[in-house]
């Protein structure tokens, strides 16, 4: 694996990688960030920031001089949940 995941060798559980490479449900996504330049990633982060601000998805930080409104931090690489795992969690939430 190149780019974003170079040298990634988790010592504990990793949602994206198993010891032998990307987990099945991440195989289609794991190489995608490597096709983007750092400028592409920065532009996407700026777009997300702009959308969140326009929609008012912010929170207040009291006691900091840098300003009080911040946007939610979102990962640019989404977390994928396999269907079987999601089904298990969904049934648990519905039970509650």
Protein backbone atom coordinates (compact mmCIF):
# COMPACT_ATOMS: atom_id res chain seq x y z
CA UNK A 1 0.00 0.00 0.00
CA UNK A 2 1.33 3.44 -0.87
CA UNK A 3 0.49 7.04 0.00
CA UNK A 4 -1.75 7.64 2.98
CA UNK A 5 -1.25 4.18 4.45
CA UNK A 6 2.52 3.79 3.90
CA UNK A 7 4.09 1.96 6.80
CA UNK A 8 0.76 1.44 8.51
CA UNK A 9 1.25 -1.55 10.79
CA UNK A 10 -1.25 -1.42 13.64
CA UNK A 11 -0.14 -2.94 16.94
CA UNK A 12 -3.73 -3.27 18.07
CA UNK A 13 -7.06 -3.76 16.29
CA UNK A 14 -7.44 -1.65 13.16
CA UNK A 15 -10.80 -1.20 11.44
CA UNK A 16 -9.24 -0.84 7.98
CA UNK A 17 -6.37 -3.33 8.00
CA UNK A 18 -5.98 -6.93 9.07
CA UNK A 19 -2.43 -8.31 9.43
CA UNK A 20 -2.52 -9.50 5.78
CA UNK A 21 -3.91 -6.28 4.22
CA UNK A 22 -7.17 -4.33 3.94
CA UNK A 23 -10.24 -5.97 5.47
CA UNK A 24 -12.75 -7.23 2.89
CA UNK A 25 -15.22 -4.38 3.32
CA UNK A 26 -12.43 -1.77 2.96
CA UNK A 27 -10.74 -3.21 -0.15
CA UNK A 28 -12.57 -0.92 -2.55
CA UNK A 29 -11.79 2.16 -0.48
CA UNK A 30 -8.32 1.52 0.95
CA UNK A 31 -6.44 2.66 -2.16
CA UNK A 32 -8.71 5.57 -3.05
CA UNK A 33 -7.01 8.22 -0.86
CA UNK A 34 -3.73 7.41 -2.62
CA UNK A 35 -5.21 8.76 -5.88
CA UNK A 36 -5.67 12.20 -4.29
CA UNK A 37 -2.97 14.82 -3.84
CA UNK A 38 -2.49 16.69 -0.58
CA UNK A 39 -4.05 19.68 -2.36
CA UNK A 40 -7.10 17.56 -3.23
CA UNK A 41 -7.44 16.47 0.39
CA UNK A 42 -7.08 20.07 1.63
CA UNK A 43 -9.70 21.29 -0.87
CA UNK A 44 -12.12 18.59 0.26
CA UNK A 45 -11.53 19.47 3.91
CA UNK A 46 -12.19 23.15 3.14
CA UNK A 47 -15.40 22.24 1.30
CA UNK A 48 -16.63 20.17 4.26
CA UNK A 49 -15.76 23.04 6.65
CA UNK A 50 -17.69 25.50 4.46
CA UNK A 51 -20.77 23.28 4.23
CA UNK A 52 -20.82 22.66 7.98
CA UNK A 53 -20.53 26.40 8.70
CA UNK A 54 -23.30 27.28 6.23
CA UNK A 55 -25.56 24.66 7.80
CA UNK A 56 -24.75 25.90 11.30
CA UNK A 57 -23.23 22.59 12.39
CA UNK A 58 -20.88 24.07 14.96
CA UNK A 59 -20.19 23.97 18.67
CA UNK A 60 -19.01 26.58 21.12
CA UNK A 61 -15.61 26.45 22.81
CA UNK A 62 -15.66 28.60 25.89
CA UNK A 63 -12.50 30.04 27.38
CA UNK A 64 -10.42 30.04 24.17
CA UNK A 65 -9.26 33.28 22.57
CA UNK A 66 -9.17 31.83 19.05
CA UNK A 67 -12.93 32.04 18.67
CA UNK A 68 -15.92 30.28 20.04
CA UNK A 69 -17.44 28.50 17.04
CA UNK A 70 -15.89 25.36 15.61
CA UNK A 71 -17.24 22.88 13.14
CA UNK A 72 -17.52 19.19 13.89
CA UNK A 73 -14.41 17.25 12.94
CA UNK A 74 -15.13 14.61 10.33
CA UNK A 75 -12.81 11.92 8.99
CA UNK A 76 -12.09 12.21 5.29
CA UNK A 77 -11.86 8.43 5.12
CA UNK A 78 -15.26 7.09 6.18
CA UNK A 79 -15.68 4.28 8.65
CA UNK A 80 -17.33 1.33 6.96
CA UNK A 81 -19.44 -1.15 8.86
CA UNK A 82 -20.09 -4.56 7.27
CA UNK A 83 -23.76 -5.44 6.82
CA UNK A 84 -23.69 -8.31 9.36
CA UNK A 85 -22.14 -6.09 12.02
CA UNK A 86 -24.61 -3.29 11.30
CA UNK A 87 -27.53 -5.72 11.51
CA UNK A 88 -26.31 -6.91 14.93
CA UNK A 89 -26.00 -3.33 16.21
CA UNK A 90 -29.33 -2.28 14.72
CA UNK A 91 -31.13 -5.12 16.47
CA UNK A 92 -29.46 -4.17 19.75
CA UNK A 93 -30.51 -0.51 19.40
CA UNK A 94 -34.08 -1.45 18.51
CA UNK A 95 -34.20 -3.67 21.59
CA UNK A 96 -33.39 -0.74 23.83
